[in-house]
Amino acid sequence: MKKISRKTLKKVKNRIRRHERARKNRIGTPNKPRLAVYKSNNHIYAQLIDDINEKTLAAASTLKPKLKEKLEITSNKEAAKKVGEEIAKLAKKKKIKKVVFDTGGFKYHGRIAALADAARDKGLEF
């Protein structure tokens, strides 16, 4: 089993602390759900969440076979753009135009920013 360094644990704890602090003010409703984003080293995930009814309205990730076959690498900005476009398309089907963006404690940079920009380009407002 691989040993996790103190530095890595501190990074994860700091991200979780940032996420908890931001979640106090970001609540998804049926009309304006929360667009929650998570990234791992290999994949990126996005969900539209209605926090009041505690339901996931739509989800997209690089693990979906439809997206995975189009991508050579699932952990880059190009993959994040495809996930952003997919989540925007799913939101349009559900007649959702406005969302509350939740970065999941990650900095708005790189893959997170690419996903957000792609979702905005396809019609989501936040």
Protein backbone atom coordinates (compact mmCIF):
# COMPACT_ATOMS: atom_id res chain seq x y z
CA MET A 1 0.00 0.00 0.00
CA LYS A 2 1.32 3.43 -0.97
CA LYS A 3 2.09 5.81 1.87
CA ILE A 4 0.51 9.26 1.58
CA SER A 5 2.77 12.18 2.43
CA ARG A 6 1.88 14.91 4.92
CA LYS A 7 2.05 17.48 2.15
CA THR A 8 -0.58 15.62 0.11
CA LEU A 9 -2.86 15.26 3.13
CA LYS A 10 -2.54 18.96 3.87
CA LYS A 11 -3.50 19.85 0.27
CA VAL A 12 -6.60 17.66 0.46
CA LYS A 13 -7.61 19.06 3.85
CA ASN A 14 -7.19 22.63 2.58
CA ARG A 15 -9.32 21.90 -0.50
CA ILE A 16 -12.06 20.39 1.65
CA ARG A 17 -11.93 23.41 3.98
CA ARG A 18 -12.26 25.79 1.00
CA HIS A 19 -15.16 23.74 -0.35
CA GLU A 20 -17.03 23.74 2.99
CA ARG A 21 -16.54 27.49 3.33
CA ALA A 22 -17.89 28.14 -0.17
CA ARG A 23 -20.82 25.72 0.20
CA LYS A 24 -22.30 27.84 2.98
CA ASN A 25 -23.37 30.36 0.33
CA ARG A 26 -23.97 28.14 -2.70
CA ILE A 27 -27.30 26.33 -2.60
CA GLY A 28 -28.90 24.72 -5.63
CA THR A 29 -32.65 24.98 -6.19
CA PRO A 30 -34.88 23.23 -8.75
CA ASN A 31 -34.88 26.43 -10.88
CA LYS A 32 -31.20 27.26 -10.37
CA PRO A 33 -29.25 24.09 -9.52
CA ARG A 34 -25.67 23.91 -8.33
CA LEU A 35 -23.10 22.91 -10.96
CA ALA A 36 -20.67 20.91 -8.83
CA VAL A 37 -17.29 20.05 -10.33
CA TYR A 38 -14.74 17.50 -9.13
CA LYS A 39 -11.44 16.59 -10.70
CA SER A 40 -9.13 13.70 -9.99
CA ASN A 41 -5.75 13.02 -11.54
CA ASN A 42 -7.37 10.98 -14.32
CA HIS A 43 -10.93 12.31 -14.80
CA ILE A 44 -13.24 15.28 -14.38
CA TYR A 45 -16.87 15.16 -13.24
CA ALA A 46 -19.77 17.64 -13.29
CA GLN A 47 -23.23 17.40 -11.75
CA LEU A 48 -26.31 19.59 -11.62
CA ILE A 49 -27.65 19.26 -8.08
CA ASP A 50 -30.92 20.41 -6.51
CA ASP A 51 -29.92 20.76 -2.83
CA ILE A 52 -33.45 21.47 -1.59
CA ASN A 53 -34.84 18.13 -2.82
CA GLU A 54 -31.41 16.44 -2.55
CA LYS A 55 -31.43 15.18 -6.14
CA THR A 56 -28.91 15.05 -8.94
CA LEU A 57 -30.62 16.43 -12.04
CA ALA A 58 -27.86 15.64 -14.56
CA ALA A 59 -24.30 14.38 -14.58
CA ALA A 60 -21.43 14.19 -17.05
CA SER A 61 -17.88 12.93 -16.73
CA THR A 62 -14.97 11.60 -18.73
CA LEU A 63 -15.99 8.12 -17.56
CA LYS A 64 -19.12 8.10 -19.74
CA PRO A 65 -18.50 5.77 -22.69
CA LYS A 66 -19.86 8.35 -25.14
CA LEU A 67 -17.22 10.90 -24.10
CA LYS A 68 -14.44 8.45 -23.31
CA GLU A 69 -14.30 7.07 -26.85
CA LYS A 70 -13.90 10.60 -28.28
CA LEU A 71 -10.97 11.45 -26.01
CA GLU A 72 -7.42 10.17 -26.08
CA ILE A 73 -6.59 11.69 -22.69
CA THR A 74 -9.27 12.15 -20.02
CA SER A 75 -7.25 14.43 -17.74
CA ASN A 76 -6.60 17.55 -19.80
CA LYS A 77 -8.35 20.82 -20.68
CA GLU A 78 -9.79 19.36 -23.88
CA ALA A 79 -11.55 16.65 -21.87
CA ALA A 80 -12.84 19.28 -19.43
CA LYS A 81 -14.28 21.29 -22.35
CA LYS A 82 -16.14 18.22 -23.62
CA VAL A 83 -17.60 17.58 -20.15
CA GLY A 84 -18.66 21.25 -19.93
CA GLU A 85 -20.39 21.04 -23.31
CA GLU A 86 -22.10 17.77 -22.31
CA ILE A 87 -23.41 19.12 -19.00
CA ALA A 88 -24.73 22.25 -20.77
CA LYS A 89 -26.50 20.06 -23.33
CA LEU A 90 -28.09 17.98 -20.55
CA ALA A 91 -29.16 21.18 -18.76
CA LYS A 92 -30.82 22.47 -21.94
CA LYS A 93 -32.81 19.23 -22.21
CA LYS A 94 -34.06 19.82 -18.66
CA LYS A 95 -34.82 23.49 -19.54
CA ILE A 96 -32.23 24.84 -17.11
CA LYS A 97 -30.50 28.07 -18.11
CA LYS A 98 -29.04 29.43 -14.87
CA VAL A 99 -26.83 27.57 -12.41
CA VAL A 100 -24.73 28.27 -9.32
CA PHE A 101 -21.12 27.28 -10.01
CA ASP A 102 -19.35 25.24 -7.31
CA THR A 103 -15.65 24.62 -7.94
CA GLY A 104 -15.47 21.95 -5.25
CA GLY A 105 -12.70 23.80 -3.42
CA PHE A 106 -10.44 23.74 -6.47
CA LYS A 107 -8.99 26.97 -7.83
CA TYR A 108 -10.79 28.48 -10.83
CA HIS A 109 -7.91 27.68 -13.14
CA GLY A 110 -6.94 25.13 -15.79
CA ARG A 111 -9.42 22.28 -16.18
CA ILE A 112 -12.05 23.87 -13.91
CA ALA A 113 -11.99 27.12 -15.89
CA ALA A 114 -12.07 25.22 -19.20
CA LEU A 115 -15.17 23.29 -18.12
CA ALA A 116 -16.89 26.50 -16.96
CA ASP A 117 -16.07 28.40 -20.16
CA ALA A 118 -17.35 25.56 -22.34
CA ALA A 119 -20.59 25.38 -20.35
CA ARG A 120 -21.04 29.15 -20.72
CA ASP A 121 -20.39 28.98 -24.46
CA LYS A 122 -23.15 26.37 -24.80
CA GLY A 123 -25.71 28.57 -23.04
CA LEU A 124 -25.47 28.10 -19.27
CA GLU A 125 -25.50 31.32 -17.24
CA PHE A 126 -23.50 31.74 -14.03
